[in-house]
Amino acid sequence: MNTKRIITLRLLQLILDLTNKATELEGVGIKLVITDELIERVAAVLFEINGIDPAATGPMYLTLADYCSGSIETHDFMSLMSGVAVSSG
């Protein structure tokens, strides 16, 4: 497995962990804006590492939300992200 893929998978796991923690905290009435900001920053790094223009990631953020909700699997997200990286470059 190449380094970029390993880092991408780790960042995806971090985004998922942050999303789950934010949801858990919101369940007890705590809303932390910093969690949303961290997710945004990690997502921006994730896209940058994969050569995706952050200004053109609207659909990718929707797909990222689907990934975090469990609607799509990791390999599906990785495939979609690769397609965006190829088409935008």
C-alpha atoms as a PDB file:
ATOM      1  CA  MET A   1       0.000   0.000   0.000  1.00  0.00           C
ATOM      2  CA  ASN A   2       1.462   3.368  -0.955  1.00  0.00           C
ATOM      3  CA  THR A   3       2.060   6.179   1.517  1.00  0.00           C
ATOM      4  CA  LYS A   4      -0.566   8.533   0.064  1.00  0.00           C
ATOM      5  CA  ARG A   5      -3.240   5.837   0.370  1.00  0.00           C
ATOM      6  CA  ILE A   6      -2.257   5.074   3.982  1.00  0.00           C
ATOM      7  CA  ILE A   7      -2.398   8.766   4.915  1.00  0.00           C
ATOM      8  CA  THR A   8      -5.730   9.158   3.111  1.00  0.00           C
ATOM      9  CA  LEU A   9      -7.209   6.207   4.987  1.00  0.00           C
ATOM     10  CA  ARG A  10      -5.931   7.576   8.313  1.00  0.00           C
ATOM     11  CA  LEU A  11      -7.403  11.006   7.589  1.00  0.00           C
ATOM     12  CA  LEU A  12     -10.728   9.418   6.637  1.00  0.00           C
ATOM     13  CA  GLN A  13     -10.714   7.534   9.942  1.00  0.00           C
ATOM     14  CA  LEU A  14      -9.926  10.769  11.802  1.00  0.00           C
ATOM     15  CA  ILE A  15     -12.829  12.537  10.076  1.00  0.00           C
ATOM     16  CA  LEU A  16     -15.121   9.640  10.959  1.00  0.00           C
ATOM     17  CA  ASP A  17     -13.947   9.652  14.591  1.00  0.00           C
ATOM     18  CA  LEU A  18     -14.441  13.425  14.876  1.00  0.00           C
ATOM     19  CA  THR A  19     -17.893  13.176  13.304  1.00  0.00           C
ATOM     20  CA  ASN A  20     -18.909  10.377  15.662  1.00  0.00           C
ATOM     21  CA  LYS A  21     -17.612  12.287  18.691  1.00  0.00           C
ATOM     22  CA  ALA A  22     -19.483  15.439  17.613  1.00  0.00           C
ATOM     23  CA  THR A  23     -22.681  13.415  17.209  1.00  0.00           C
ATOM     24  CA  GLU A  24     -22.159  11.820  20.616  1.00  0.00           C
ATOM     25  CA  LEU A  25     -21.658  15.209  22.268  1.00  0.00           C
ATOM     26  CA  GLU A  26     -24.677  16.701  20.499  1.00  0.00           C
ATOM     27  CA  GLY A  27     -26.717  13.797  21.880  1.00  0.00           C
ATOM     28  CA  VAL A  28     -26.125  15.149  25.385  1.00  0.00           C
ATOM     29  CA  GLY A  29     -26.681  18.765  24.398  1.00  0.00           C
ATOM     30  CA  ILE A  30     -23.110  19.902  23.711  1.00  0.00           C
ATOM     31  CA  LYS A  31     -22.304  21.535  20.371  1.00  0.00           C
ATOM     32  CA  LEU A  32     -18.655  22.327  19.746  1.00  0.00           C
ATOM     33  CA  VAL A  33     -17.939  24.544  16.756  1.00  0.00           C
ATOM     34  CA  ILE A  34     -14.285  23.523  16.938  1.00  0.00           C
ATOM     35  CA  THR A  35     -15.218  19.966  15.948  1.00  0.00           C
ATOM     36  CA  ASP A  36     -16.747  21.199  12.690  1.00  0.00           C
ATOM     37  CA  GLU A  37     -13.694  23.363  12.052  1.00  0.00           C
ATOM     38  CA  LEU A  38     -11.349  20.408  12.653  1.00  0.00           C
ATOM     39  CA  ILE A  39     -13.338  18.232  10.268  1.00  0.00           C
ATOM     40  CA  GLU A  40     -13.141  20.986   7.621  1.00  0.00           C
ATOM     41  CA  ARG A  41      -9.376  21.314   8.068  1.00  0.00           C
ATOM     42  CA  VAL A  42      -8.743  17.566   7.942  1.00  0.00           C
ATOM     43  CA  ALA A  43     -10.962  17.265   4.857  1.00  0.00           C
ATOM     44  CA  ALA A  44      -9.032  20.077   3.161  1.00  0.00           C
ATOM     45  CA  VAL A  45      -5.748  18.271   3.861  1.00  0.00           C
ATOM     46  CA  LEU A  46      -7.243  15.011   2.628  1.00  0.00           C
ATOM     47  CA  PHE A  47      -8.218  16.609  -0.680  1.00  0.00           C
ATOM     48  CA  GLU A  48      -4.906  18.472  -0.993  1.00  0.00           C
ATOM     49  CA  ILE A  49      -2.898  15.273  -0.533  1.00  0.00           C
ATOM     50  CA  ASN A  50      -4.941  13.656  -3.291  1.00  0.00           C
ATOM     51  CA  GLY A  51      -4.575  16.578  -5.703  1.00  0.00           C
ATOM     52  CA  ILE A  52      -8.181  17.711  -5.477  1.00  0.00           C
ATOM     53  CA  ASP A  53      -8.838  21.446  -5.749  1.00  0.00           C
ATOM     54  CA  PRO A  54     -10.538  22.464  -2.468  1.00  0.00           C
ATOM     55  CA  ALA A  55     -12.566  25.098  -4.341  1.00  0.00           C
ATOM     56  CA  ALA A  56     -14.131  22.359  -6.477  1.00  0.00           C
ATOM     57  CA  THR A  57     -14.976  19.865  -3.717  1.00  0.00           C
ATOM     58  CA  GLY A  58     -18.692  20.607  -3.249  1.00  0.00           C
ATOM     59  CA  PRO A  59     -19.808  17.145  -4.390  1.00  0.00           C
ATOM     60  CA  MET A  60     -16.920  15.532  -2.491  1.00  0.00           C
ATOM     61  CA  TYR A  61     -18.101  17.070   0.767  1.00  0.00           C
ATOM     62  CA  LEU A  62     -21.527  15.544   0.133  1.00  0.00           C
ATOM     63  CA  THR A  63     -19.860  12.208  -0.514  1.00  0.00           C
ATOM     64  CA  LEU A  64     -17.742  12.666   2.617  1.00  0.00           C
ATOM     65  CA  ALA A  65     -20.940  13.210   4.595  1.00  0.00           C
ATOM     66  CA  ASP A  66     -22.307   9.984   3.093  1.00  0.00           C
ATOM     67  CA  TYR A  67     -19.123   8.203   4.151  1.00  0.00           C
ATOM     68  CA  CYS A  68     -19.401   9.535   7.709  1.00  0.00           C
ATOM     69  CA  SER A  69     -23.038   8.486   7.930  1.00  0.00           C
ATOM     70  CA  GLY A  70     -22.169   4.975   6.771  1.00  0.00           C
ATOM     71  CA  SER A  71     -24.097   5.274   3.501  1.00  0.00           C
ATOM     72  CA  ILE A  72     -21.000   4.458   1.465  1.00  0.00           C
ATOM     73  CA  GLU A  73     -17.987   2.305   2.272  1.00  0.00           C
ATOM     74  CA  THR A  74     -14.351   3.428   2.425  1.00  0.00           C
ATOM     75  CA  HIS A  75     -13.420   1.804  -0.879  1.00  0.00           C
ATOM     76  CA  ASP A  76     -16.366   3.505  -2.604  1.00  0.00           C
ATOM     77  CA  PHE A  77     -15.315   6.900  -1.267  1.00  0.00           C
ATOM     78  CA  MET A  78     -11.706   6.277  -2.325  1.00  0.00           C
ATOM     79  CA  SER A  79     -12.884   5.357  -5.836  1.00  0.00           C
ATOM     80  CA  LEU A  80     -15.013   8.496  -6.110  1.00  0.00           C
ATOM     81  CA  MET A  81     -12.184  10.641  -4.799  1.00  0.00           C
ATOM     82  CA  SER A  82      -9.790   9.167  -7.353  1.00  0.00           C
ATOM     83  CA  GLY A  83     -12.259   9.971 -10.108  1.00  0.00           C
ATOM     84  CA  VAL A  84     -12.511  13.580  -8.964  1.00  0.00           C
ATOM     85  CA  ALA A  85      -8.725  13.892  -8.714  1.00  0.00           C
ATOM     86  CA  VAL A  86      -8.298  12.554 -12.240  1.00  0.00           C
ATOM     87  CA  SER A  87     -11.028  14.692 -13.791  1.00  0.00           C
ATOM     88  CA  SER A  88      -9.969  17.917 -12.069  1.00  0.00           C
ATOM     89  CA  GLY A  89      -6.270  17.578 -12.904  1.00  0.00           C
END
